[in-house]
Amino acid sequence: MSDKAFASDNSNFESVVLAVTPDKCISIQQGRTCYSTVTARWHSAQPLDLCLTLADKVLKCWQHQIQGSHQFEFAAAQSTKVMLRQQQQVLAQVEVEVNWVHKASKIKRHWRLF
């Protein structure tokens, strides 16, 4: 799996880099929940108070740190953003993509055993 990183350059803050591994989750069929253990790592040039969020759920927070990592269980049926926030401001974000092997079929199959 690849490793995505996103750096945010804000005038008030030094650059913050966030990377997640893996950045893709593969489900058997479209619309099914995909499960994966994901590791998020970040670093910045200056100490910051940050929280790691998945969608809008807070996963972990750090106070006055220049780097951090956190491993979490990813479970989603669609691509979801992992973000580093300082209060309500998003400093960095990466999307964990949900892909599937088989596209959902609209045809219902009826099986009969004779």
Protein backbone atom coordinates (compact mmCIF):
# COMPACT_ATOMS: atom_id res chain seq x y z
CA MET A 1 0.00 0.00 0.00
CA SER A 2 1.16 3.52 -0.65
CA ASP A 3 1.82 6.27 1.83
CA LYS A 4 0.08 9.63 1.32
CA ALA A 5 1.25 12.81 2.96
CA PHE A 6 -0.30 16.26 3.03
CA ALA A 7 1.41 19.42 4.17
CA SER A 8 -0.45 22.56 5.07
CA ASP A 9 1.30 25.89 4.97
CA ASN A 10 -0.64 28.47 6.95
CA SER A 11 0.65 31.98 7.62
CA ASN A 12 0.15 31.50 11.37
CA PHE A 13 1.84 28.08 11.58
CA GLU A 14 4.85 26.31 10.25
CA SER A 15 4.22 23.46 7.85
CA VAL A 16 2.50 20.39 9.30
CA VAL A 17 2.89 17.05 7.50
CA LEU A 18 0.41 14.19 8.00
CA ALA A 19 0.84 10.69 6.52
CA VAL A 20 -1.37 7.59 6.81
CA THR A 21 -0.45 3.98 6.08
CA PRO A 22 -2.21 2.30 4.38
CA ASP A 23 -4.12 5.02 2.55
CA LYS A 24 -6.43 2.55 0.77
CA CYS A 25 -8.90 0.04 2.15
CA ILE A 26 -10.22 -2.72 -0.10
CA SER A 27 -13.71 -4.16 0.41
CA ILE A 28 -15.06 -7.23 -1.39
CA GLN A 29 -18.25 -5.56 -2.62
CA GLN A 30 -19.24 -1.95 -3.20
CA GLY A 31 -21.22 -0.50 -0.28
CA ARG A 32 -19.82 -2.95 2.29
CA THR A 33 -17.85 -1.70 5.27
CA CYS A 34 -14.11 -1.90 4.80
CA TYR A 35 -11.93 -2.71 7.81
CA SER A 36 -8.24 -1.91 8.20
CA THR A 37 -5.68 -0.99 10.85
CA VAL A 38 -4.32 2.44 9.90
CA THR A 39 -1.29 4.28 11.29
CA ALA A 40 -1.23 8.09 11.16
CA ARG A 41 2.05 9.96 11.64
CA TRP A 42 2.61 13.69 11.69
CA HIS A 43 5.38 16.21 12.32
CA SER A 44 5.79 19.97 12.40
CA ALA A 45 8.64 22.44 12.70
CA GLN A 46 7.31 23.89 15.98
CA PRO A 47 5.47 22.42 19.00
CA LEU A 48 1.70 22.47 18.55
CA ASP A 49 -1.47 21.38 20.33
CA LEU A 50 -3.21 19.10 17.81
CA CYS A 51 -5.99 16.53 17.61
CA LEU A 52 -6.21 13.71 15.09
CA THR A 53 -9.76 13.21 13.80
CA LEU A 54 -11.45 10.69 11.53
CA ALA A 55 -14.42 12.40 9.90
CA ASP A 56 -15.53 14.41 12.98
CA LYS A 57 -14.53 11.86 15.64
CA VAL A 58 -11.48 12.77 17.78
CA LEU A 59 -9.01 9.85 17.87
CA LYS A 60 -6.09 11.33 19.82
CA CYS A 61 -4.76 14.70 20.96
CA TRP A 62 -1.23 15.94 21.66
CA GLN A 63 -0.14 19.01 23.63
CA HIS A 64 2.96 21.01 22.74
CA GLN A 65 4.45 18.30 20.50
CA ILE A 66 6.40 18.42 17.23
CA GLN A 67 5.49 14.89 16.14
CA GLY A 68 3.16 12.05 16.90
CA SER A 69 1.71 8.78 15.69
CA HIS A 70 -1.46 6.86 16.36
CA GLN A 71 -2.76 3.49 15.20
CA PHE A 72 -6.51 3.04 14.88
CA GLU A 73 -9.13 0.71 13.44
CA PHE A 74 -10.66 2.09 10.26
CA ALA A 75 -14.19 0.93 9.43
CA ALA A 76 -16.09 2.73 6.67
CA ALA A 77 -18.07 2.03 3.53
CA GLN A 78 -16.76 5.14 1.76
CA SER A 79 -13.58 7.20 1.57
CA THR A 80 -13.03 9.21 4.76
CA LYS A 81 -10.72 12.10 5.69
CA VAL A 82 -8.16 11.88 8.50
CA MET A 83 -7.37 15.39 9.76
CA LEU A 84 -5.04 17.17 12.15
CA ARG A 85 -6.83 20.05 13.82
CA GLN A 86 -5.80 22.84 16.11
CA GLN A 87 -9.08 23.72 17.78
CA GLN A 88 -11.47 23.98 14.79
CA GLN A 89 -8.79 24.78 12.20
CA VAL A 90 -7.66 21.94 9.91
CA LEU A 91 -3.86 22.06 9.54
CA ALA A 92 -3.43 18.86 7.50
CA GLN A 93 -5.64 16.15 6.04
CA VAL A 94 -5.35 12.89 4.12
CA GLU A 95 -8.13 10.75 2.68
CA VAL A 96 -8.27 7.00 3.27
CA GLU A 97 -9.78 5.70 0.03
CA VAL A 98 -12.28 2.85 0.11
CA ASN A 99 -12.14 0.70 -3.03
CA TRP A 100 -13.92 -2.53 -3.82
CA VAL A 101 -13.27 -5.71 -5.77
CA HIS A 102 -16.83 -6.18 -7.07
CA LYS A 103 -19.27 -3.44 -7.96
CA ALA A 104 -22.68 -3.75 -6.31
CA SER A 105 -25.20 -5.37 -8.63
CA LYS A 106 -28.78 -4.17 -8.86
CA ILE A 107 -29.88 -7.58 -10.12
CA LYS A 108 -31.27 -9.80 -7.40
CA ARG A 109 -30.41 -13.42 -7.82
CA HIS A 110 -32.90 -16.02 -6.69
CA TRP A 111 -31.49 -19.46 -6.10
CA ARG A 112 -33.52 -22.62 -6.16
CA LEU A 113 -32.46 -26.10 -5.29
CA PHE A 114 -34.51 -28.91 -6.80
